[in-house]
Protein backbone atom coordinates (compact mmCIF):
# COMPACT_ATOMS: atom_id res chain seq x y z
CA MET A 1 0.00 0.00 0.00
CA GLY A 2 1.54 3.31 -1.09
CA LEU A 3 2.05 6.43 1.01
CA SER A 4 -0.16 9.42 0.49
CA ALA A 5 1.27 12.77 -0.58
CA MET A 6 0.93 14.13 2.94
CA GLN A 7 2.71 11.10 4.45
CA LYS A 8 5.50 11.53 2.00
CA ARG A 9 5.90 15.14 3.01
CA ARG A 10 5.98 14.18 6.72
CA TRP A 11 8.18 11.15 6.24
CA PRO A 12 11.36 12.76 7.53
CA GLU A 13 9.51 13.96 10.62
CA LEU A 14 7.91 10.56 11.18
CA LYS A 15 11.24 8.82 10.69
CA LEU A 16 12.87 11.08 13.24
CA ARG A 17 10.13 10.44 15.78
CA SER A 18 10.41 6.75 15.08
CA LEU A 19 14.12 6.82 15.79
CA VAL A 20 13.63 8.90 18.88
CA SER A 21 10.94 6.56 20.08
CA ALA A 22 13.17 3.60 19.35
CA GLY A 23 16.05 5.27 21.21
CA LEU A 24 13.92 5.98 24.18
CA LEU A 25 12.55 2.50 24.14
CA GLY A 26 16.10 1.10 23.90
CA ALA A 27 17.25 3.22 26.79
CA MET A 28 14.31 2.02 28.76
CA LEU A 29 15.08 -1.57 27.86
CA LEU A 30 18.77 -1.09 28.66
CA SER A 31 17.91 0.49 31.99
CA THR A 32 15.57 -2.38 32.81
CA LEU A 33 18.21 -4.95 31.84
CA GLN A 34 20.85 -3.23 33.96
CA ALA A 35 18.49 -3.15 36.88
CA GLN A 36 18.07 -6.93 36.60
CA THR A 37 21.76 -7.82 36.14
CA ILE A 38 23.71 -5.24 38.16
CA PRO A 39 23.14 -5.41 41.90
CA PRO A 40 22.28 -2.13 43.49
CA THR A 41 25.04 -0.29 45.26
CA VAL A 42 24.63 -0.75 49.01
CA LYS A 43 25.91 1.99 51.21
CA THR A 44 27.73 0.52 54.20
CA THR A 45 28.50 2.29 57.41
CA PRO A 46 32.06 1.53 58.55
CA SER A 47 32.26 -0.37 61.85
CA PRO A 48 33.53 1.77 64.70
CA ALA A 49 37.04 1.08 65.90
CA PRO A 50 37.13 -1.22 68.94
CA VAL A 51 37.16 0.70 72.16
CA HIS A 52 39.70 -0.60 74.65
CA PRO A 53 39.20 0.17 78.34
CA ALA A 54 41.52 2.79 79.61
CA THR A 55 44.49 1.44 81.55
CA PRO A 56 44.03 2.48 85.17
CA THR A 57 46.73 4.65 86.59
CA PRO A 58 48.60 2.59 89.21
CA LYS A 59 48.25 3.90 92.74
CA PRO A 60 51.48 4.72 94.49
CA THR A 61 52.61 2.03 96.96
CA PRO A 62 52.03 3.33 100.47
CA LYS A 63 55.16 3.65 102.55
CA LEU A 64 55.35 1.26 105.45
CA ASN A 65 55.33 2.86 108.86
CA VAL A 66 58.72 1.49 109.83
CA ARG A 67 60.17 2.86 113.01
CA PRO A 68 63.75 4.00 112.76
CA LYS A 69 66.39 1.81 114.31
CA LEU A 70 67.38 2.62 117.85
CA SER A 71 70.59 4.54 118.26
CA GLU A 72 73.57 3.16 120.11
CA ALA A 73 72.78 5.50 122.98
CA GLU A 74 69.22 4.15 123.20
CA VAL A 75 70.44 0.54 123.17
CA ASN A 76 72.86 1.33 125.97
CA GLU A 77 70.06 3.07 127.87
CA ALA A 78 67.87 -0.04 127.53
CA LYS A 79 70.70 -2.19 128.89
CA THR A 80 71.17 0.11 131.86
CA LEU A 81 67.45 0.13 132.61
CA LEU A 82 67.23 -3.67 132.38
CA SER A 83 70.24 -4.11 134.63
CA ASN A 84 68.86 -1.65 137.20
CA LEU A 85 65.60 -3.63 137.25
CA GLY A 86 67.50 -6.86 137.96
CA TYR A 87 67.46 -8.48 134.51
CA TRP A 88 70.64 -10.50 133.96
CA LEU A 89 72.96 -9.10 131.27
CA GLN A 90 76.48 -9.89 130.15
CA PRO A 91 78.43 -6.76 131.20
CA GLU A 92 81.23 -7.07 128.64
CA ALA A 93 78.89 -7.60 125.68
CA THR A 94 78.30 -4.74 123.25
CA GLY A 95 75.38 -3.82 121.03
CA GLN A 96 72.27 -5.95 120.82
CA ASP A 97 73.88 -9.21 121.98
CA ALA A 98 72.30 -12.49 123.10
CA SER A 99 72.19 -11.45 126.75
CA LEU A 100 70.14 -8.36 125.83
CA ARG A 101 67.68 -10.55 123.93
CA HIS A 102 67.32 -12.89 126.92
CA ALA A 103 66.99 -10.01 129.39
CA LEU A 104 64.36 -8.33 127.23
CA THR A 105 62.48 -11.63 126.86
CA ALA A 106 62.46 -12.01 130.65
CA PHE A 107 61.15 -8.45 130.98
CA GLN A 108 58.39 -9.15 128.47
CA LYS A 109 57.44 -12.33 130.35
CA VAL A 110 57.22 -10.50 133.67
CA GLU A 111 55.18 -7.68 132.16
CA GLY A 112 52.84 -10.04 130.27
CA ARG A 113 53.89 -8.79 126.84
CA ALA A 114 54.57 -10.65 123.60
CA ARG A 115 57.80 -12.60 124.04
CA THR A 116 59.76 -11.32 121.06
CA GLY A 117 63.11 -10.46 122.60
CA VAL A 118 63.26 -7.50 120.19
CA LEU A 119 64.13 -4.04 121.46
CA THR A 120 61.82 -1.37 120.01
CA ASN A 121 60.94 2.20 120.86
CA GLU A 122 57.81 0.92 122.57
CA GLU A 123 59.78 -1.51 124.75
CA LEU A 124 62.22 1.26 125.63
CA GLN A 125 59.37 3.52 126.74
CA LEU A 126 57.99 0.74 128.96
CA LEU A 127 61.42 0.10 130.45
CA ARG A 128 61.61 3.76 131.48
CA GLN A 129 58.41 3.31 133.50
CA ALA A 130 58.90 -0.25 134.79
CA GLN A 131 59.52 -1.33 138.38
CA ARG A 132 61.49 -4.23 139.75
CA PRO A 133 59.22 -7.29 140.24
CA LYS A 134 58.59 -8.66 143.72
CA ALA A 135 59.31 -12.16 145.00
CA LEU A 136 56.51 -14.55 145.89
CA GLU A 137 58.18 -15.00 149.31
CA PRO A 138 59.97 -11.71 150.08
CA THR A 139 61.43 -12.87 153.38
CA HIS A 140 64.67 -14.75 152.84
CA SER A 141 67.38 -15.78 150.40
CA HIS A 142 66.29 -18.40 147.86
CA ILE A 143 65.59 -19.12 144.18
CA GLU A 144 62.08 -18.79 142.75
CA ILE A 145 60.97 -20.32 139.47
CA ASP A 146 57.66 -19.06 138.10
CA LEU A 147 56.33 -21.69 135.69
CA PRO A 148 53.44 -19.69 134.17
CA ARG A 149 55.69 -16.73 133.37
CA GLN A 150 58.78 -18.89 132.67
CA VAL A 151 61.20 -16.76 134.70
CA LEU A 152 63.68 -17.35 137.51
CA PHE A 153 64.26 -14.91 140.39
CA VAL A 154 67.38 -14.82 142.53
CA VAL A 155 66.08 -13.47 145.87
CA ASP A 156 68.53 -12.05 148.42
CA ALA A 157 68.48 -12.19 152.22
CA THR A 158 66.24 -9.11 152.43
CA GLY A 159 63.64 -10.74 150.19
CA ALA A 160 64.38 -8.47 147.21
CA VAL A 161 64.74 -9.80 143.69
CA GLN A 162 68.37 -9.31 142.68
CA ARG A 163 68.61 -11.21 139.39
CA ILE A 164 66.04 -12.28 136.79
CA LEU A 165 66.52 -14.88 134.05
CA PRO A 166 64.22 -16.33 131.40
CA VAL A 167 63.79 -20.10 131.67
CA SER A 168 62.32 -22.93 129.64
CA THR A 169 60.83 -25.77 131.67
CA GLY A 170 59.01 -29.07 131.00
CA SER A 171 57.02 -29.03 127.78
CA GLY A 172 54.32 -31.44 129.00
CA ALA A 173 54.93 -33.77 126.05
CA LEU A 174 55.55 -37.51 126.38
CA PHE A 175 59.07 -38.80 125.88
CA THR A 176 60.78 -42.17 126.20
CA GLN A 177 64.08 -42.76 127.95
CA GLY A 178 65.58 -46.13 128.77
CA GLY A 179 62.47 -47.96 127.65
CA ARG A 180 60.27 -45.89 129.93
CA THR A 181 57.74 -43.33 128.70
CA ARG A 182 57.09 -40.28 130.84
CA ARG A 183 55.63 -36.82 130.58
CA ALA A 184 58.04 -33.90 130.47
CA VAL A 185 57.00 -31.92 133.53
CA THR A 186 58.86 -29.70 135.96
CA PRO A 187 57.75 -30.48 139.51
CA THR A 188 56.40 -27.73 141.77
CA GLY A 189 57.22 -27.41 145.43
CA ARG A 190 60.08 -26.48 147.74
CA PHE A 191 63.46 -28.04 146.99
CA LYS A 192 67.14 -27.62 147.78
CA VAL A 193 70.18 -27.85 145.55
CA ARG A 194 71.42 -31.40 146.16
CA ARG A 195 74.34 -31.84 143.85
CA LYS A 196 76.35 -29.78 141.37
CA ILE A 197 78.60 -30.64 138.44
CA ALA A 198 80.99 -28.00 137.09
CA GLY A 199 81.26 -27.59 133.33
CA TRP A 200 79.56 -29.79 130.77
CA ARG A 201 77.75 -33.00 131.68
CA LYS A 202 76.54 -35.49 129.08
CA SER A 203 73.17 -37.06 129.89
CA ASP A 204 71.02 -39.54 128.00
CA LEU A 205 68.98 -36.65 126.62
CA GLY A 206 71.72 -34.18 125.83
CA LEU A 207 74.38 -31.89 127.28
CA LEU A 208 73.93 -29.83 130.44
CA TYR A 209 76.12 -26.85 131.31
CA TYR A 210 76.95 -26.36 135.01
CA PRO A 211 73.89 -28.29 136.28
CA SER A 212 72.56 -27.86 139.83
CA TYR A 213 70.33 -30.84 140.65
CA ILE A 214 67.32 -30.16 142.87
CA PHE A 215 65.18 -33.30 142.64
CA ALA A 216 65.95 -36.71 141.14
CA GLY A 217 67.25 -35.87 137.66
CA VAL A 218 65.78 -32.36 137.51
CA ALA A 219 68.44 -29.69 137.33
CA ILE A 220 68.84 -25.98 136.71
CA HIS A 221 71.42 -25.82 133.94
CA GLY A 222 72.70 -23.76 131.07
CA ASN A 223 71.54 -24.58 127.57
CA PRO A 224 72.18 -22.92 124.18
CA ALA A 225 68.45 -23.12 123.42
CA VAL A 226 66.16 -21.30 125.83
CA PRO A 227 62.95 -20.58 123.90
CA ALA A 228 60.26 -18.28 125.27
CA THR A 229 57.96 -21.24 125.98
CA PRO A 230 58.31 -24.57 127.88
CA ALA A 231 60.42 -26.96 125.81
CA SER A 232 62.54 -29.13 128.11
CA HIS A 233 62.11 -32.70 129.36
CA GLY A 234 61.66 -31.39 132.89
CA CYS A 235 64.85 -29.54 133.73
CA ILE A 236 64.99 -25.76 134.11
CA ARG A 237 67.01 -24.31 131.24
CA ILE A 238 68.74 -20.95 131.70
CA PRO A 239 70.79 -18.95 129.16
CA ILE A 240 74.25 -20.40 128.81
CA PHE A 241 76.04 -17.07 129.37
CA ALA A 242 74.68 -16.91 132.95
CA ALA A 243 75.02 -20.60 133.87
CA LYS A 244 78.50 -20.52 135.43
CA GLU A 245 77.81 -17.46 137.59
CA PHE A 246 74.44 -18.86 138.67
CA PHE A 247 76.20 -22.10 139.59
CA GLU A 248 78.58 -20.13 141.83
CA LEU A 249 75.71 -18.15 143.44
CA THR A 250 73.78 -21.27 144.47
CA PRO A 251 75.79 -23.63 146.67
CA VAL A 252 74.47 -26.98 147.83
CA ALA A 253 71.46 -26.55 150.17
CA THR A 254 70.26 -23.37 148.43
CA GLU A 255 66.44 -23.32 148.62
CA VAL A 256 64.53 -23.47 145.34
CA LEU A 257 60.82 -22.67 145.20
CA ILE A 258 59.00 -23.74 142.02
CA HIS A 259 55.41 -22.57 141.71
CA GLY A 260 52.76 -22.60 139.01
CA ASP A 261 49.04 -22.60 138.29
CA LYS A 262 48.66 -26.32 138.98
CA ALA A 263 50.48 -28.44 141.55
CA VAL A 264 52.51 -31.33 140.16
CA ASN A 265 53.32 -34.45 142.17
CA ILE A 266 56.95 -34.01 143.15
CA THR A 267 57.58 -37.75 142.84
CA THR A 268 57.59 -37.29 139.07
CA THR A 269 61.15 -38.00 137.93
CA GLY A 270 62.92 -35.77 135.47
CA PRO A 271 65.07 -36.65 132.49
CA CYS A 272 68.50 -35.71 133.77
CA LYS A 273 68.98 -38.87 135.83
CA LEU A 274 72.41 -39.31 137.37
CA PRO A 275 73.65 -42.85 136.64
CA ASP A 276 75.77 -43.00 139.81
CA ASP A 277 72.96 -42.03 142.19
CA LYS A 278 71.27 -45.35 143.13
CA SER A 279 68.59 -43.61 145.19
CA LYS A 280 67.13 -42.16 142.00
CA LYS A 281 66.51 -45.43 140.18
């Protein structure tokens, strides 16, 4: 079918519109195709950086409340005070020697304080205010041994306490000697020094230094170990530095009074049995 004259005249215009329409339609088709094949761009929000907890600022270490060491003058003052109160010291010793530790331990026992044997400012202050302890029997010359407080008093003829030593007496534990099991007790009561041996004496249970026997095998003797608590098999241990002088101060027949919270049967035999004394078997 042929074109009319008018169509022929408008052919260029119609062709152009046809192309435009085709172009638009192609663009639309292309856009639709792209929408089906190309995934849409997704906007992502970046994850925040991990937050680490702040490192706490370390607190300064508190300074310990350490008391300054005592001066030499203060140590010497403590020795003078102890000696004036009757506590036994080694005169020729210097500084904080073993005799000072024993004397201070005896002082702490008498005063009911912790038995440390350490000289501190607090102990020095107490020494400045302390008084000499009194004897249980302030009437005559004798030796007193206080089991609860673990101290020994040398009492003079006027009844005053002249010397004070720390002691360690029977521990109360069971021990076996010579096939016989006994309890380590120090007897209480009134005794007298019965026999003395100068120097070292070897017993079945160890060495004794300048022992003074008061009942069966129980003796007052020097020992390198005098703890603040009862630890012996029944004997009365005293510091070894004072043993020889104590031996010389207490001749045979010297009275010894041992007292405590509970009475102990004085027939209980001690560990320091003399092998040549048949009456003690």
